[in-house]
Structures are given as structure tokens and as C-alpha cells.
Amino acid sequence: MKVLIADDHKLIVQGIRRALEEDGGFDVVAEASAGSQVMPLVSQLRPDLVLLDLRMPGLDGLMCLDQIKKRFPDTKVVIISAATDEKLIQTALKRGASAYIVKTVDPADLPAALRQALDGTVYHAIGLFEDSETPAKAAGLTEREISILNALARGLSNEAIGKELWVAEQTVKFHLTNIYRKLGVSNRTEAARYAYQQGLVDSPIYDHS
């Protein structure tokens, strides 16, 4: 998956690049440190995904977003910003961003969040604390991970979960790895039991003991 990172903070760019390269499923084809560099690079390289900061010299992120969606509507754009203003977030999403990721998000969660954005399963900000967040959100689980955890708690196999959620079985395994890490468990039985006991899922688990 070809990715263009546009951010004027070198430390942020390096952190994102490292997280994506360690994942192995992304190819960072270019970096832009100013908004004015974004469109020429998109036109030349045709990335699958543009990671776009909102505040950059030359041209701000929203204007870049508008231009990308107008000229290359199939190119996915994910906003990565420190700003947490709800109106700004909604504006970015309404103008075509596939997701809005707050820079406080755990770098280890970034690849999974980007995959969800590309799958069209993210419609809100990621990494934004909510006063009314559910126990599952408080545990750091994404929407897709919550769906998979609920299916797991109902006793579904990886293959059945994939068919229910219209994703590949390998994708289910990838999300389960993240779920186990976040919950501090080592297998599906422990995950289901922990999730039920902590109120992360509503469905009763299958107890084979």
C-alpha cells in the first residue's frame, strides 16, 4: 500500500514511517513538509493513502484534502492532527477524509487504524478521549476490534468472523493479535472471558469447561 506522509514536524514523520515500516504492509513513497508539496507528489506518485496534517506551511490540510478529493477521488486521505476540536474533526470527515487520527494515538495502533480507514469501517476520530466512552473504548479497542471481540465472545471461529464482517480470515487474525495485546491476554478463551468479566462485550461467552 503506497503512502504519502505530509507533516511539517520531522519527529512525527519519522514516528509514522517507523510504525508503518515495522508493520510491513505499507510502502512510504514520499514525505511532504509543506502543503504546497502535496499535490505535485500525489499527481506524480499516485499513492493509495495520504496521511495529512491539518496545519502546514504553504497550504493547510483542509485545502489539500479538497484538492486531492477533487482531482483523485479514489485516493484515501486520513487526517493526523493534534487538534481535538469536534467541529474541525467533523469538517474534515464531511469533506472526504476517511478518518481523523489524533496524534496521541499509540503508534502500535496506527497500522490497524489505517487499514480500517481504507476498508471504510472508520467514520470518526481515533485516539480522541470521550467522557462517555464505553469500557471497550477505554481499553483502547477500535470499532472493528470491538466487533471481532463480540463475535469471538459468541463462540465464532476466525473463518466465521471473517464471513460475518466481510474481511479475510488473515485480517481477523491480525486484529486478534492487537486485541490480545491490548487486553493483556494470550488466547481467544482468555480474551472472551476477560471481555465478559470486564463488561467489554454484552454477549455471554461459550464456556467449554
N, C-alpha and C. Protein backbone atom coordinates (compact mmCIF):
# COMPACT_ATOMS: atom_id res chain seq x y z
N MET A 1 0.84 -1.18 0.00
CA MET A 1 0.00 0.00 0.00
C MET A 1 0.89 1.25 0.00
N LYS A 2 0.81 2.06 -1.04
CA LYS A 2 1.68 3.23 -1.16
C LYS A 2 1.14 4.38 -0.33
N VAL A 3 2.01 4.97 0.50
CA VAL A 3 1.59 6.01 1.43
C VAL A 3 2.45 7.26 1.26
N LEU A 4 1.80 8.41 1.28
CA LEU A 4 2.47 9.71 1.32
C LEU A 4 2.20 10.33 2.69
N ILE A 5 3.25 10.72 3.39
CA ILE A 5 3.12 11.37 4.70
C ILE A 5 3.37 12.85 4.53
N ALA A 6 2.41 13.68 4.94
CA ALA A 6 2.54 15.14 4.83
C ALA A 6 2.42 15.75 6.21
N ASP A 7 3.55 16.19 6.76
CA ASP A 7 3.58 16.79 8.09
C ASP A 7 4.87 17.59 8.20
N ASP A 8 4.79 18.77 8.78
CA ASP A 8 5.99 19.62 8.85
C ASP A 8 6.83 19.34 10.10
N HIS A 9 6.43 18.37 10.92
CA HIS A 9 7.21 18.00 12.10
C HIS A 9 7.97 16.70 11.80
N LYS A 10 9.28 16.81 11.71
CA LYS A 10 10.11 15.65 11.30
C LYS A 10 9.99 14.48 12.27
N LEU A 11 9.87 14.77 13.58
CA LEU A 11 9.75 13.68 14.54
C LEU A 11 8.46 12.89 14.32
N ILE A 12 7.37 13.61 14.00
CA ILE A 12 6.10 12.95 13.73
C ILE A 12 6.23 12.06 12.49
N VAL A 13 6.84 12.61 11.45
CA VAL A 13 7.01 11.84 10.20
C VAL A 13 7.84 10.59 10.44
N GLN A 14 8.93 10.74 11.20
CA GLN A 14 9.79 9.59 11.47
C GLN A 14 9.05 8.52 12.28
N GLY A 15 8.25 8.97 13.24
CA GLY A 15 7.49 8.02 14.05
C GLY A 15 6.46 7.26 13.24
N ILE A 16 5.76 7.98 12.34
CA ILE A 16 4.77 7.33 11.49
C ILE A 16 5.45 6.36 10.54
N ARG A 17 6.54 6.79 9.92
CA ARG A 17 7.26 5.92 8.98
C ARG A 17 7.73 4.65 9.68
N ARG A 18 8.25 4.79 10.88
CA ARG A 18 8.75 3.63 11.62
C ARG A 18 7.61 2.65 11.91
N ALA A 19 6.48 3.18 12.36
CA ALA A 19 5.33 2.31 12.69
C ALA A 19 4.85 1.56 11.46
N LEU A 20 4.80 2.25 10.32
CA LEU A 20 4.31 1.62 9.09
C LEU A 20 5.32 0.61 8.54
N GLU A 21 6.60 0.95 8.60
CA GLU A 21 7.62 0.04 8.09
C GLU A 21 7.71 -1.22 8.94
N GLU A 22 7.56 -1.08 10.26
CA GLU A 22 7.60 -2.25 11.14
C GLU A 22 6.40 -3.17 10.88
N ASP A 23 5.28 -2.58 10.49
CA ASP A 23 4.09 -3.38 10.17
C ASP A 23 4.32 -4.22 8.92
N GLY A 24 4.98 -3.64 7.93
CA GLY A 24 5.32 -4.37 6.72
C GLY A 24 4.30 -4.31 5.60
N GLY A 25 3.12 -3.75 5.88
CA GLY A 25 2.09 -3.71 4.86
C GLY A 25 1.97 -2.39 4.14
N PHE A 26 2.89 -1.47 4.43
CA PHE A 26 2.82 -0.13 3.85
C PHE A 26 4.17 0.24 3.24
N ASP A 27 4.11 0.99 2.15
CA ASP A 27 5.31 1.47 1.48
C ASP A 27 5.25 2.99 1.46
N VAL A 28 6.05 3.64 2.29
CA VAL A 28 6.08 5.11 2.34
C VAL A 28 6.86 5.59 1.13
N VAL A 29 6.14 6.14 0.14
CA VAL A 29 6.77 6.50 -1.12
C VAL A 29 7.31 7.93 -1.13
N ALA A 30 6.83 8.77 -0.19
CA ALA A 30 7.31 10.16 -0.17
C ALA A 30 6.88 10.84 1.12
N GLU A 31 7.58 11.94 1.42
CA GLU A 31 7.24 12.77 2.57
C GLU A 31 7.13 14.22 2.08
N ALA A 32 6.17 14.94 2.65
CA ALA A 32 6.00 16.36 2.32
C ALA A 32 6.01 17.14 3.62
N SER A 33 6.78 18.24 3.64
CA SER A 33 6.86 19.07 4.84
C SER A 33 6.09 20.37 4.70
N ALA A 34 5.46 20.57 3.53
CA ALA A 34 4.66 21.78 3.29
C ALA A 34 3.44 21.39 2.45
N GLY A 35 2.34 22.09 2.68
CA GLY A 35 1.11 21.79 1.96
C GLY A 35 1.26 21.94 0.46
N SER A 36 2.11 22.88 0.05
CA SER A 36 2.29 23.14 -1.38
C SER A 36 2.99 21.98 -2.10
N GLN A 37 3.62 21.07 -1.34
CA GLN A 37 4.31 19.94 -1.95
C GLN A 37 3.37 18.74 -2.18
N VAL A 38 2.21 18.78 -1.56
CA VAL A 38 1.36 17.59 -1.53
C VAL A 38 0.81 17.23 -2.91
N MET A 39 0.15 18.16 -3.57
CA MET A 39 -0.49 17.84 -4.85
C MET A 39 0.49 17.40 -5.93
N PRO A 40 1.66 18.06 -6.07
CA PRO A 40 2.63 17.57 -7.06
C PRO A 40 3.06 16.13 -6.79
N LEU A 41 3.24 15.77 -5.50
CA LEU A 41 3.64 14.41 -5.16
C LEU A 41 2.51 13.42 -5.41
N VAL A 42 1.28 13.81 -5.08
CA VAL A 42 0.13 12.93 -5.34
C VAL A 42 -0.02 12.69 -6.83
N SER A 43 0.13 13.76 -7.62
CA SER A 43 0.00 13.64 -9.08
C SER A 43 1.07 12.74 -9.66
N GLN A 44 2.28 12.83 -9.12
CA GLN A 44 3.41 12.07 -9.66
C GLN A 44 3.39 10.61 -9.21
N LEU A 45 3.08 10.38 -7.94
CA LEU A 45 3.27 9.05 -7.36
C LEU A 45 1.98 8.24 -7.23
N ARG A 46 0.84 8.93 -7.28
CA ARG A 46 -0.48 8.28 -7.13
C ARG A 46 -0.51 7.32 -5.92
N PRO A 47 -0.29 7.84 -4.72
CA PRO A 47 -0.33 6.96 -3.55
C PRO A 47 -1.75 6.45 -3.29
N ASP A 48 -1.85 5.31 -2.61
CA ASP A 48 -3.16 4.78 -2.22
C ASP A 48 -3.73 5.57 -1.05
N LEU A 49 -2.83 6.10 -0.22
CA LEU A 49 -3.23 6.77 1.01
C LEU A 49 -2.34 7.97 1.27
N VAL A 50 -2.97 9.09 1.66
CA VAL A 50 -2.24 10.28 2.07
C VAL A 50 -2.52 10.55 3.54
N LEU A 51 -1.46 10.59 4.34
CA LEU A 51 -1.59 10.96 5.75
C LEU A 51 -1.29 12.44 5.85
N LEU A 52 -2.27 13.21 6.29
CA LEU A 52 -2.23 14.66 6.11
C LEU A 52 -2.39 15.39 7.43
N ASP A 53 -1.40 16.21 7.78
CA ASP A 53 -1.52 17.09 8.94
C ASP A 53 -2.39 18.28 8.55
N LEU A 54 -3.13 18.83 9.51
CA LEU A 54 -4.00 19.96 9.20
C LEU A 54 -3.26 21.28 9.08
N ARG A 55 -2.23 21.45 9.88
CA ARG A 55 -1.53 22.73 9.92
C ARG A 55 -0.13 22.58 9.34
N MET A 56 0.02 23.06 8.10
CA MET A 56 1.31 23.00 7.42
C MET A 56 1.55 24.32 6.69
N PRO A 57 2.81 24.68 6.51
CA PRO A 57 3.11 25.91 5.75
C PRO A 57 2.77 25.73 4.27
N GLY A 58 2.42 26.82 3.64
CA GLY A 58 2.17 26.79 2.19
C GLY A 58 0.72 26.57 1.84
N LEU A 59 0.12 25.56 2.42
CA LEU A 59 -1.28 25.22 2.13
C LEU A 59 -1.77 24.36 3.28
N ASP A 60 -2.91 24.76 3.89
CA ASP A 60 -3.34 23.99 5.05
C ASP A 60 -3.96 22.65 4.63
N GLY A 61 -4.11 21.77 5.63
CA GLY A 61 -4.54 20.41 5.36
C GLY A 61 -5.91 20.30 4.74
N LEU A 62 -6.85 21.14 5.16
CA LEU A 62 -8.20 21.06 4.60
C LEU A 62 -8.21 21.42 3.12
N MET A 63 -7.41 22.41 2.74
CA MET A 63 -7.33 22.77 1.32
C MET A 63 -6.68 21.65 0.52
N CYS A 64 -5.65 21.02 1.10
CA CYS A 64 -5.03 19.88 0.43
C CYS A 64 -6.05 18.75 0.27
N LEU A 65 -6.83 18.52 1.32
CA LEU A 65 -7.86 17.48 1.29
C LEU A 65 -8.84 17.75 0.16
N ASP A 66 -9.31 18.98 0.06
CA ASP A 66 -10.26 19.34 -1.00
C ASP A 66 -9.68 19.07 -2.39
N GLN A 67 -8.43 19.45 -2.58
CA GLN A 67 -7.81 19.29 -3.90
C GLN A 67 -7.60 17.81 -4.24
N ILE A 68 -7.18 17.03 -3.25
CA ILE A 68 -6.95 15.60 -3.51
C ILE A 68 -8.26 14.91 -3.88
N LYS A 69 -9.33 15.17 -3.10
CA LYS A 69 -10.60 14.50 -3.35
C LYS A 69 -11.23 14.96 -4.67
N LYS A 70 -10.93 16.18 -5.09
CA LYS A 70 -11.47 16.68 -6.35
C LYS A 70 -10.76 16.06 -7.55
N ARG A 71 -9.44 15.98 -7.49
CA ARG A 71 -8.66 15.50 -8.63
C ARG A 71 -8.43 13.99 -8.61
N PHE A 72 -8.33 13.43 -7.40
CA PHE A 72 -8.07 11.98 -7.28
C PHE A 72 -9.04 11.40 -6.25
N PRO A 73 -10.31 11.29 -6.61
CA PRO A 73 -11.33 10.86 -5.64
C PRO A 73 -11.11 9.47 -5.05
N ASP A 74 -10.35 8.62 -5.75
CA ASP A 74 -10.11 7.27 -5.24
C ASP A 74 -8.98 7.21 -4.22
N THR A 75 -8.22 8.29 -4.12
CA THR A 75 -7.14 8.33 -3.14
C THR A 75 -7.70 8.56 -1.75
N LYS A 76 -7.35 7.69 -0.81
CA LYS A 76 -7.81 7.84 0.56
C LYS A 76 -6.97 8.88 1.29
N VAL A 77 -7.62 9.69 2.09
CA VAL A 77 -6.93 10.70 2.88
C VAL A 77 -7.31 10.51 4.35
N VAL A 78 -6.29 10.39 5.18
CA VAL A 78 -6.51 10.30 6.63
C VAL A 78 -5.82 11.49 7.28
N ILE A 79 -6.58 12.25 8.05
CA ILE A 79 -6.02 13.39 8.76
C ILE A 79 -5.35 12.90 10.04
N ILE A 80 -4.11 13.35 10.27
CA ILE A 80 -3.41 13.07 11.52
C ILE A 80 -3.05 14.42 12.13
N SER A 81 -3.66 14.74 13.26
CA SER A 81 -3.51 16.08 13.82
C SER A 81 -3.54 16.06 15.34
N ALA A 82 -2.95 17.07 15.95
CA ALA A 82 -3.01 17.23 17.40
C ALA A 82 -4.31 17.92 17.82
N ALA A 83 -5.00 18.53 16.86
CA ALA A 83 -6.23 19.26 17.17
C ALA A 83 -7.35 18.31 17.52
N THR A 84 -8.11 18.63 18.56
CA THR A 84 -9.21 17.75 19.00
C THR A 84 -10.56 18.47 18.99
N ASP A 85 -10.63 19.60 18.31
CA ASP A 85 -11.89 20.34 18.23
C ASP A 85 -12.93 19.54 17.44
N GLU A 86 -14.09 19.31 18.04
CA GLU A 86 -15.10 18.45 17.44
C GLU A 86 -15.58 19.00 16.09
N LYS A 87 -15.75 20.32 16.01
CA LYS A 87 -16.22 20.92 14.75
C LYS A 87 -15.20 20.71 13.64
N LEU A 88 -13.93 20.86 13.98
CA LEU A 88 -12.87 20.67 13.00
C LEU A 88 -12.83 19.23 12.52
N ILE A 89 -12.98 18.30 13.45
CA ILE A 89 -12.98 16.88 13.10
C ILE A 89 -14.13 16.57 12.15
N GLN A 90 -15.32 17.04 12.48
CA GLN A 90 -16.49 16.78 11.65
C GLN A 90 -16.34 17.43 10.27
N THR A 91 -15.73 18.61 10.23
CA THR A 91 -15.49 19.28 8.95
C THR A 91 -14.59 18.44 8.06
N ALA A 92 -13.51 17.91 8.64
CA ALA A 92 -12.58 17.09 7.86
C ALA A 92 -13.26 15.83 7.34
N LEU A 93 -14.08 15.19 8.18
CA LEU A 93 -14.76 13.97 7.75
C LEU A 93 -15.80 14.26 6.67
N LYS A 94 -16.52 15.36 6.83
CA LYS A 94 -17.54 15.71 5.83
C LYS A 94 -16.92 16.08 4.49
N ARG A 95 -15.70 16.58 4.52
CA ARG A 95 -15.04 16.98 3.28
C ARG A 95 -14.26 15.85 2.62
N GLY A 96 -14.43 14.64 3.15
CA GLY A 96 -13.90 13.48 2.43
C GLY A 96 -12.81 12.69 3.10
N ALA A 97 -12.37 13.10 4.29
CA ALA A 97 -11.34 12.32 4.98
C ALA A 97 -11.92 10.95 5.38
N SER A 98 -11.12 9.90 5.20
CA SER A 98 -11.57 8.56 5.57
C SER A 98 -11.55 8.35 7.07
N ALA A 99 -10.69 9.10 7.76
CA ALA A 99 -10.61 9.02 9.22
C ALA A 99 -9.84 10.23 9.73
N TYR A 100 -10.00 10.48 11.01
CA TYR A 100 -9.28 11.56 11.69
C TYR A 100 -8.57 10.92 12.88
N ILE A 101 -7.24 10.92 12.84
CA ILE A 101 -6.46 10.27 13.89
C ILE A 101 -5.73 11.34 14.71
N VAL A 102 -5.99 11.33 16.00
CA VAL A 102 -5.34 12.28 16.90
C VAL A 102 -3.93 11.79 17.19
N LYS A 103 -2.96 12.72 17.25
CA LYS A 103 -1.56 12.34 17.36
C LYS A 103 -1.19 11.70 18.69
N THR A 104 -2.11 11.67 19.62
CA THR A 104 -1.85 10.99 20.89
C THR A 104 -2.07 9.48 20.78
N VAL A 105 -2.52 9.00 19.63
CA VAL A 105 -2.79 7.57 19.46
C VAL A 105 -1.50 6.78 19.61
N ASP A 106 -1.60 5.57 20.14
CA ASP A 106 -0.45 4.70 20.28
C ASP A 106 0.07 4.34 18.89
N PRO A 107 1.36 4.59 18.59
CA PRO A 107 1.90 4.27 17.26
C PRO A 107 1.67 2.82 16.86
N ALA A 108 1.64 1.91 17.84
CA ALA A 108 1.42 0.50 17.53
C ALA A 108 0.03 0.25 16.96
N ASP A 109 -0.90 1.16 17.24
CA ASP A 109 -2.27 1.01 16.75
C ASP A 109 -2.48 1.66 15.38
N LEU A 110 -1.50 2.43 14.93
CA LEU A 110 -1.68 3.20 13.69
C LEU A 110 -1.92 2.33 12.46
N PRO A 111 -1.13 1.28 12.21
CA PRO A 111 -1.40 0.46 11.02
C PRO A 111 -2.81 -0.11 10.98
N ALA A 112 -3.29 -0.62 12.12
CA ALA A 112 -4.64 -1.19 12.16
C ALA A 112 -5.68 -0.11 11.89
N ALA A 113 -5.48 1.08 12.45
CA ALA A 113 -6.42 2.18 12.24
C ALA A 113 -6.47 2.58 10.77
N LEU A 114 -5.31 2.59 10.12
CA LEU A 114 -5.27 2.95 8.70
C LEU A 114 -5.94 1.89 7.85
N ARG A 115 -5.77 0.62 8.19
CA ARG A 115 -6.45 -0.44 7.45
C ARG A 115 -7.96 -0.29 7.55
N GLN A 116 -8.44 0.06 8.73
CA GLN A 116 -9.87 0.25 8.90
C GLN A 116 -10.36 1.43 8.06
N ALA A 117 -9.56 2.48 8.01
CA ALA A 117 -9.93 3.64 7.19
C ALA A 117 -10.04 3.24 5.73
N LEU A 118 -9.11 2.43 5.26
CA LEU A 118 -9.13 2.00 3.87
C LEU A 118 -10.26 1.02 3.60
N ASP A 119 -10.66 0.27 4.63
CA ASP A 119 -11.78 -0.66 4.49
C ASP A 119 -13.13 0.07 4.56
N GLY A 120 -13.10 1.33 4.94
CA GLY A 120 -14.34 2.08 5.07
C GLY A 120 -15.09 1.79 6.35
N THR A 121 -14.37 1.31 7.38
CA THR A 121 -15.04 0.96 8.64
C THR A 121 -14.82 2.00 9.73
N VAL A 122 -14.14 3.10 9.42
CA VAL A 122 -13.91 4.16 10.40
C VAL A 122 -14.62 5.42 9.94
N TYR A 123 -15.44 5.97 10.80
CA TYR A 123 -16.17 7.18 10.44
C TYR A 123 -16.06 8.25 11.52
N HIS A 124 -15.03 8.18 12.34
CA HIS A 124 -14.92 9.11 13.44
C HIS A 124 -13.45 9.30 13.79
N ALA A 125 -13.20 10.09 14.83
CA ALA A 125 -11.83 10.32 15.26
C ALA A 125 -11.31 9.12 16.03
N ILE A 126 -10.03 8.83 15.84
CA ILE A 126 -9.36 7.74 16.55
C ILE A 126 -8.35 8.37 17.50
N GLY A 127 -8.36 7.91 18.76
CA GLY A 127 -7.42 8.43 19.74
C GLY A 127 -7.96 9.62 20.51
N LEU A 128 -9.22 9.97 20.27
CA LEU A 128 -9.83 11.11 20.96
C LEU A 128 -10.56 10.61 22.18
N PHE A 129 -10.20 11.13 23.35
CA PHE A 129 -10.85 10.69 24.58
C PHE A 129 -12.27 11.22 24.64
N GLU A 130 -13.17 10.35 25.03
CA GLU A 130 -14.57 10.74 25.17
C GLU A 130 -15.01 10.52 26.60
N ASP A 131 -15.71 11.50 27.16
CA ASP A 131 -16.17 11.38 28.54
C ASP A 131 -17.11 10.21 28.73
N SER A 132 -17.88 9.89 27.69
CA SER A 132 -18.88 8.85 27.79
C SER A 132 -18.43 7.56 27.11
N GLU A 133 -17.11 7.34 27.04
CA GLU A 133 -16.65 6.18 26.30
C GLU A 133 -17.01 4.89 27.03
N THR A 134 -17.21 3.86 26.25
CA THR A 134 -17.59 2.55 26.77
C THR A 134 -16.36 1.86 27.36
N PRO A 135 -16.57 0.78 28.14
CA PRO A 135 -15.41 0.05 28.66
C PRO A 135 -14.48 -0.44 27.55
N ALA A 136 -15.08 -0.86 26.43
CA ALA A 136 -14.25 -1.34 25.31
C ALA A 136 -13.40 -0.21 24.74
N LYS A 137 -13.98 0.97 24.60
CA LYS A 137 -13.21 2.12 24.11
C LYS A 137 -12.13 2.50 25.11
N ALA A 138 -12.46 2.43 26.41
CA ALA A 138 -11.49 2.76 27.44
C ALA A 138 -10.30 1.82 27.40
N ALA A 139 -10.53 0.58 26.94
CA ALA A 139 -9.45 -0.40 26.82
C ALA A 139 -8.59 -0.14 25.58
N GLY A 140 -8.99 0.83 24.78
CA GLY A 140 -8.22 1.18 23.59
C GLY A 140 -8.60 0.40 22.35
N LEU A 141 -9.74 -0.29 22.38
CA LEU A 141 -10.16 -1.08 21.23
C LEU A 141 -10.81 -0.21 20.17
N THR A 142 -10.51 -0.50 18.91
CA THR A 142 -11.15 0.20 17.80
C THR A 142 -12.52 -0.40 17.54
N GLU A 143 -13.31 0.25 16.69
CA GLU A 143 -14.64 -0.26 16.37
C GLU A 143 -14.58 -1.66 15.78
N ARG A 144 -13.63 -1.88 14.87
CA ARG A 144 -13.52 -3.20 14.25
C ARG A 144 -13.09 -4.25 15.28
N GLU A 145 -12.18 -3.88 16.17
CA GLU A 145 -11.75 -4.81 17.20
C GLU A 145 -12.89 -5.16 18.15
N ILE A 146 -13.74 -4.19 18.45
CA ILE A 146 -14.91 -4.44 19.30
C ILE A 146 -15.85 -5.43 18.61
N SER A 147 -16.05 -5.24 17.31
CA SER A 147 -16.92 -6.15 16.55
C SER A 147 -16.37 -7.57 16.57
N ILE A 148 -15.06 -7.68 16.37
CA ILE A 148 -14.43 -9.00 16.36
C ILE A 148 -14.49 -9.63 17.75
N LEU A 149 -14.27 -8.83 18.78
CA LEU A 149 -14.32 -9.35 20.15
C LEU A 149 -15.73 -9.84 20.50
N ASN A 150 -16.74 -9.12 20.06
CA ASN A 150 -18.13 -9.56 20.29
C ASN A 150 -18.40 -10.87 19.58
N ALA A 151 -17.91 -10.99 18.34
CA ALA A 151 -18.11 -12.24 17.59
C ALA A 151 -17.37 -13.39 18.25
N LEU A 152 -16.15 -13.10 18.71
CA LEU A 152 -15.36 -14.12 19.41
C LEU A 152 -16.08 -14.58 20.67
N ALA A 153 -16.67 -13.63 21.40
CA ALA A 153 -17.38 -13.95 22.64
C ALA A 153 -18.62 -14.81 22.38
N ARG A 154 -19.15 -14.73 21.15
CA ARG A 154 -20.30 -15.56 20.79
C ARG A 154 -19.87 -16.95 20.33
N GLY A 155 -18.56 -17.21 20.35
CA GLY A 155 -18.06 -18.52 20.01
C GLY A 155 -17.76 -18.74 18.55
N LEU A 156 -17.72 -17.68 17.75
CA LEU A 156 -17.47 -17.84 16.32
C LEU A 156 -15.99 -18.12 16.05
N SER A 157 -15.72 -18.93 15.05
CA SER A 157 -14.35 -19.20 14.62
C SER A 157 -13.83 -18.01 13.82
N ASN A 158 -12.51 -18.00 13.57
CA ASN A 158 -11.93 -16.92 12.77
C ASN A 158 -12.58 -16.86 11.38
N GLU A 159 -12.81 -18.04 10.80
CA GLU A 159 -13.43 -18.09 9.47
C GLU A 159 -14.84 -17.51 9.51
N ALA A 160 -15.60 -17.87 10.54
CA ALA A 160 -16.97 -17.37 10.66
C ALA A 160 -17.00 -15.87 10.92
N ILE A 161 -16.05 -15.39 11.73
CA ILE A 161 -15.97 -13.95 11.99
C ILE A 161 -15.67 -13.21 10.69
N GLY A 162 -14.74 -13.74 9.90
CA GLY A 162 -14.40 -13.11 8.63
C GLY A 162 -15.59 -13.02 7.69
N LYS A 163 -16.38 -14.10 7.62
CA LYS A 163 -17.56 -14.10 6.75
C LYS A 163 -18.61 -13.11 7.26
N GLU A 164 -18.78 -13.04 8.56
CA GLU A 164 -19.79 -12.14 9.13
C GLU A 164 -19.42 -10.68 8.92
N LEU A 165 -18.13 -10.36 9.00
CA LEU A 165 -17.68 -8.97 8.89
C LEU A 165 -17.14 -8.64 7.51
N TRP A 166 -17.19 -9.61 6.60
CA TRP A 166 -16.73 -9.40 5.22
C TRP A 166 -15.26 -9.00 5.15
N VAL A 167 -14.44 -9.71 5.91
CA VAL A 167 -13.00 -9.49 5.86
C VAL A 167 -12.30 -10.84 5.73
N ALA A 168 -11.05 -10.82 5.30
CA ALA A 168 -10.29 -12.06 5.16
C ALA A 168 -9.97 -12.65 6.53
N GLU A 169 -9.84 -13.98 6.57
CA GLU A 169 -9.52 -14.64 7.84
C GLU A 169 -8.18 -14.14 8.39
N GLN A 170 -7.24 -13.84 7.50
CA GLN A 170 -5.94 -13.32 7.94
C GLN A 170 -6.10 -11.97 8.61
N THR A 171 -7.05 -11.17 8.13
CA THR A 171 -7.32 -9.87 8.75
C THR A 171 -7.87 -10.05 10.16
N VAL A 172 -8.73 -11.05 10.32
CA VAL A 172 -9.27 -11.35 11.66
C VAL A 172 -8.12 -11.72 12.61
N LYS A 173 -7.20 -12.56 12.15
CA LYS A 173 -6.06 -12.96 12.97
C LYS A 173 -5.21 -11.75 13.35
N PHE A 174 -5.04 -10.83 12.40
CA PHE A 174 -4.26 -9.61 12.66
C PHE A 174 -4.92 -8.80 13.77
N HIS A 175 -6.25 -8.62 13.68
CA HIS A 175 -6.95 -7.85 14.70
C HIS A 175 -6.93 -8.56 16.05
N LEU A 176 -7.03 -9.89 16.04
CA LEU A 176 -6.99 -10.63 17.30
C LEU A 176 -5.66 -10.45 18.01
N THR A 177 -4.58 -10.39 17.25
CA THR A 177 -3.27 -10.16 17.84
C THR A 177 -3.26 -8.82 18.59
N ASN A 178 -3.84 -7.79 17.96
CA ASN A 178 -3.91 -6.48 18.61
C ASN A 178 -4.81 -6.52 19.84
N ILE A 179 -5.93 -7.24 19.73
CA ILE A 179 -6.86 -7.36 20.86
C ILE A 179 -6.18 -8.03 22.05
N TYR A 180 -5.47 -9.14 21.80
CA TYR A 180 -4.79 -9.84 22.89
C TYR A 180 -3.78 -8.92 23.57
N ARG A 181 -3.05 -8.15 22.77
CA ARG A 181 -2.04 -7.25 23.33
C ARG A 181 -2.69 -6.19 24.21
N LYS A 182 -3.78 -5.61 23.73
CA LYS A 182 -4.43 -4.53 24.48
C LYS A 182 -5.08 -5.03 25.77
N LEU A 183 -5.58 -6.26 25.74
CA LEU A 183 -6.26 -6.80 26.92
C LEU A 183 -5.29 -7.53 27.85
N GLY A 184 -4.07 -7.76 27.39
CA GLY A 184 -3.10 -8.46 28.22
C GLY A 184 -3.40 -9.93 28.37
N VAL A 185 -3.94 -10.56 27.32
CA VAL A 185 -4.26 -11.98 27.34
C VAL A 185 -3.48 -12.67 26.22
N SER A 186 -3.54 -14.02 26.22
CA SER A 186 -2.71 -14.75 25.25
C SER A 186 -3.50 -15.58 24.26
N ASN A 187 -4.82 -15.75 24.46
CA ASN A 187 -5.59 -16.56 23.51
C ASN A 187 -7.06 -16.13 23.51
N ARG A 188 -7.84 -16.73 22.61
CA ARG A 188 -9.23 -16.32 22.42
C ARG A 188 -10.10 -16.63 23.65
N THR A 189 -9.81 -17.75 24.34
CA THR A 189 -10.60 -18.09 25.52
C THR A 189 -10.41 -17.06 26.63
N GLU A 190 -9.14 -16.70 26.86
CA GLU A 190 -8.84 -15.68 27.87
C GLU A 190 -9.44 -14.34 27.48
N ALA A 191 -9.39 -14.02 26.19
CA ALA A 191 -9.93 -12.74 25.71
C ALA A 191 -11.44 -12.68 25.94
N ALA A 192 -12.14 -13.77 25.60
CA ALA A 192 -13.58 -13.80 25.75
C ALA A 192 -13.98 -13.70 27.22
N ARG A 193 -13.28 -14.45 28.07
CA ARG A 193 -13.60 -14.43 29.49
C ARG A 193 -13.33 -13.04 30.09
N TYR A 194 -12.18 -12.48 29.77
CA TYR A 194 -11.83 -11.15 30.28
C TYR A 194 -12.83 -10.10 29.80
N ALA A 195 -13.16 -10.16 28.51
CA ALA A 195 -14.07 -9.17 27.93
C ALA A 195 -15.44 -9.22 28.61
N TYR A 196 -15.92 -10.43 28.87
CA TYR A 196 -17.23 -10.58 29.51
C TYR A 196 -17.19 -10.09 30.96
N GLN A 197 -16.12 -10.48 31.68
CA GLN A 197 -16.00 -10.10 33.09
C GLN A 197 -15.85 -8.59 33.27
N GLN A 198 -15.17 -7.94 32.31
CA GLN A 198 -14.92 -6.50 32.41
C GLN A 198 -16.00 -5.66 31.74
N GLY A 199 -17.01 -6.31 31.20
CA GLY A 199 -18.10 -5.57 30.57
C GLY A 199 -17.75 -5.00 29.21
N LEU A 200 -16.74 -5.59 28.56
CA LEU A 200 -16.35 -5.11 27.23
C LEU A 200 -17.31 -5.58 26.14
N VAL A 201 -17.99 -6.69 26.40
CA VAL A 201 -18.96 -7.23 25.44
C VAL A 201 -20.25 -7.55 26.18
N ASP A 202 -21.34 -7.53 25.44
CA ASP A 202 -22.64 -7.82 26.03
C ASP A 202 -23.02 -9.28 25.94
N SER A 203 -22.45 -9.96 24.94
CA SER A 203 -22.84 -11.34 24.69
C SER A 203 -22.19 -12.29 25.68
N PRO A 204 -22.90 -13.31 26.15
CA PRO A 204 -22.28 -14.31 27.02
C PRO A 204 -21.30 -15.15 26.23
N ILE A 205 -20.24 -15.58 26.90
CA ILE A 205 -19.24 -16.40 26.21
C ILE A 205 -19.64 -17.86 26.29
N TYR A 206 -19.10 -18.65 25.39
CA TYR A 206 -19.29 -20.09 25.44
C TYR A 206 -18.26 -20.66 26.41
N ASP A 207 -18.69 -21.28 27.46
CA ASP A 207 -17.78 -21.84 28.46
C ASP A 207 -17.70 -23.34 28.22
N HIS A 208 -16.56 -23.79 27.73
CA HIS A 208 -16.40 -25.19 27.38
C HIS A 208 -15.84 -26.01 28.55
N SER A 209 -15.61 -25.35 29.69
CA SER A 209 -15.04 -26.07 30.81
C SER A 209 -16.08 -26.96 31.46
